[in-house]
């Protein structure tokens, strides 16, 4: 793991949540995009050394919708920046770490992403995020 890339925060509405981050906290919005494969709309916010990623469900089948229904809005995951994501996943699997995805998929900004199961990491959902392919 090279660094913490971003912290994912589940929200019901980016439109309603964004003013807190931009106006109240004075942080800058980087961009907003839809990630249809994950059924989420995301807003990336520059908070200095780590980005914040607001995650809004696009519909009721989104895992973010399910998360909010069960736990409410709040921190959803911590993403580590990595290179050679498939190698990292293979290493973790060899160590017996339970993974949600054994192969990466395309996430926000075109990054390759995969998640470590929270039961393998003390209840914290970790994402591996590889932007070495030119992703934002």
Protein backbone atom coordinates (compact mmCIF):
# COMPACT_ATOMS: atom_id res chain seq x y z
CA UNK A 1 0.00 0.00 0.00
CA UNK A 2 1.53 3.26 -1.11
CA UNK A 3 -0.71 5.86 0.53
CA UNK A 4 -4.26 6.61 1.54
CA UNK A 5 -5.78 7.82 -1.73
CA UNK A 6 -9.24 8.77 -0.51
CA UNK A 7 -11.91 8.21 2.12
CA UNK A 8 -15.33 7.22 0.82
CA UNK A 9 -18.31 8.81 2.58
CA UNK A 10 -21.83 7.54 1.89
CA UNK A 11 -24.40 10.31 1.48
CA UNK A 12 -28.05 10.36 0.50
CA UNK A 13 -27.55 13.42 -1.70
CA UNK A 14 -24.37 15.00 -3.04
CA UNK A 15 -26.32 18.17 -3.80
CA UNK A 16 -27.41 18.50 -0.16
CA UNK A 17 -24.08 17.38 1.34
CA UNK A 18 -21.64 19.31 -0.83
CA UNK A 19 -22.21 22.78 0.71
CA UNK A 20 -20.97 21.47 4.07
CA UNK A 21 -17.63 20.49 2.53
CA UNK A 22 -17.22 23.46 0.17
CA UNK A 23 -18.86 26.33 2.05
CA UNK A 24 -18.61 25.36 5.72
CA UNK A 25 -15.22 23.62 5.63
CA UNK A 26 -13.86 25.63 2.70
CA UNK A 27 -12.66 22.61 0.71
CA UNK A 28 -12.60 22.50 -3.09
CA UNK A 29 -14.72 20.30 -5.31
CA UNK A 30 -12.52 18.45 -7.82
CA UNK A 31 -15.25 16.88 -9.94
CA UNK A 32 -18.49 14.89 -9.94
CA UNK A 33 -19.08 11.79 -12.05
CA UNK A 34 -21.43 8.84 -12.38
CA UNK A 35 -20.03 5.33 -11.98
CA UNK A 36 -22.79 3.17 -13.51
CA UNK A 37 -20.96 -0.10 -12.77
CA UNK A 38 -21.26 0.66 -9.05
CA UNK A 39 -24.61 2.46 -9.32
CA UNK A 40 -23.19 5.55 -7.62
CA UNK A 41 -22.65 9.21 -8.31
CA UNK A 42 -19.41 10.44 -6.77
CA UNK A 43 -18.00 13.83 -5.87
CA UNK A 44 -14.29 14.12 -5.17
CA UNK A 45 -13.25 16.85 -2.77
CA UNK A 46 -9.70 18.10 -2.22
CA UNK A 47 -8.90 18.04 1.47
CA UNK A 48 -5.16 18.47 1.14
CA UNK A 49 -3.23 15.24 1.41
CA UNK A 50 -6.27 12.92 1.05
CA UNK A 51 -9.32 13.28 -1.17
CA UNK A 52 -12.83 12.77 0.16
CA UNK A 53 -15.21 10.83 -2.09
CA UNK A 54 -18.89 11.46 -1.50
CA UNK A 55 -20.89 8.43 -2.66
CA UNK A 56 -24.56 8.87 -3.56
CA UNK A 57 -26.59 5.81 -4.59
CA UNK A 58 -28.09 6.03 -8.08
CA UNK A 59 -30.95 3.71 -7.14
CA UNK A 60 -32.15 1.29 -4.46
CA UNK A 61 -30.05 -1.59 -5.83
CA UNK A 62 -26.79 0.26 -5.10
CA UNK A 63 -24.65 -1.15 -2.30
CA UNK A 64 -24.36 2.44 -1.04
CA UNK A 65 -28.16 2.60 -0.70
CA UNK A 66 -28.05 -0.62 1.34
CA UNK A 67 -25.20 0.76 3.46
CA UNK A 68 -27.12 3.97 4.24
CA UNK A 69 -30.28 2.00 5.07
CA UNK A 70 -28.36 -0.17 7.57
CA UNK A 71 -25.82 2.26 9.02
CA UNK A 72 -26.82 5.76 7.94
CA UNK A 73 -24.66 8.29 6.19
CA UNK A 74 -20.98 8.30 7.07
CA UNK A 75 -17.59 6.78 6.36
CA UNK A 76 -17.94 3.86 3.98
CA UNK A 77 -14.35 2.91 3.08
CA UNK A 78 -10.69 3.87 3.09
CA UNK A 79 -8.90 3.56 -0.25
CA UNK A 80 -5.20 2.80 -0.54
CA UNK A 81 -3.35 3.84 -3.66
CA UNK A 82 -1.42 0.91 -5.13
CA UNK A 83 0.42 0.03 -8.29
CA UNK A 84 0.16 -3.39 -9.92
CA UNK A 85 -3.23 -3.99 -8.32
CA UNK A 86 -3.53 -7.58 -9.52
CA UNK A 87 -0.19 -8.42 -7.88
CA UNK A 88 -1.38 -6.82 -4.62
CA UNK A 89 -4.62 -8.83 -4.77
CA UNK A 90 -2.70 -12.07 -5.45
CA UNK A 91 -0.38 -11.36 -2.51
CA UNK A 92 -3.32 -10.73 -0.18
CA UNK A 93 -5.09 -13.88 -1.37
CA UNK A 94 -1.91 -15.92 -0.76
CA UNK A 95 -1.86 -14.54 2.79
CA UNK A 96 -5.42 -15.78 3.29
CA UNK A 97 -7.05 -12.35 3.21
CA UNK A 98 -10.71 -12.49 2.22
CA UNK A 99 -11.40 -10.32 -0.81
CA UNK A 100 -14.65 -9.02 -2.27
CA UNK A 101 -13.07 -8.95 -5.75
CA UNK A 102 -10.16 -11.16 -6.78
CA UNK A 103 -9.71 -9.19 -9.99
CA UNK A 104 -9.94 -5.42 -10.32
CA UNK A 105 -12.78 -3.57 -12.01
CA UNK A 106 -13.06 -0.02 -13.34
CA UNK A 107 -14.05 2.56 -10.73
CA UNK A 108 -14.31 6.35 -10.58
CA UNK A 109 -11.94 8.24 -12.83
CA UNK A 110 -11.09 5.05 -14.72
CA UNK A 111 -9.00 3.66 -11.86
CA UNK A 112 -8.75 -0.09 -11.36
CA UNK A 113 -10.29 -0.94 -7.99
CA UNK A 114 -10.99 -3.93 -5.74
CA UNK A 115 -12.17 -4.28 -2.16
CA UNK A 116 -10.90 -6.25 0.82
CA UNK A 117 -13.77 -7.81 2.79
CA UNK A 118 -14.34 -5.95 6.07
CA UNK A 119 -14.43 -9.28 7.95
CA UNK A 120 -10.75 -9.64 7.03
CA UNK A 121 -9.79 -6.24 8.40
CA UNK A 122 -11.47 -5.63 11.72
CA UNK A 123 -14.71 -4.34 10.24
CA UNK A 124 -13.15 -1.70 7.98
CA UNK A 125 -13.86 -1.83 4.24
CA UNK A 126 -10.62 -1.13 2.36
CA UNK A 127 -10.37 -0.39 -1.33
CA UNK A 128 -7.26 -0.86 -3.44
CA UNK A 129 -7.08 1.86 -6.09
CA UNK A 130 -4.61 1.68 -8.99
CA UNK A 131 -4.39 4.86 -11.07
CA UNK A 132 -1.20 3.90 -12.90
CA UNK A 133 -3.13 3.34 -16.13
CA UNK A 134 -3.69 7.07 -16.53
CA UNK A 135 -6.77 7.38 -14.30
CA UNK A 136 -7.50 10.68 -12.52
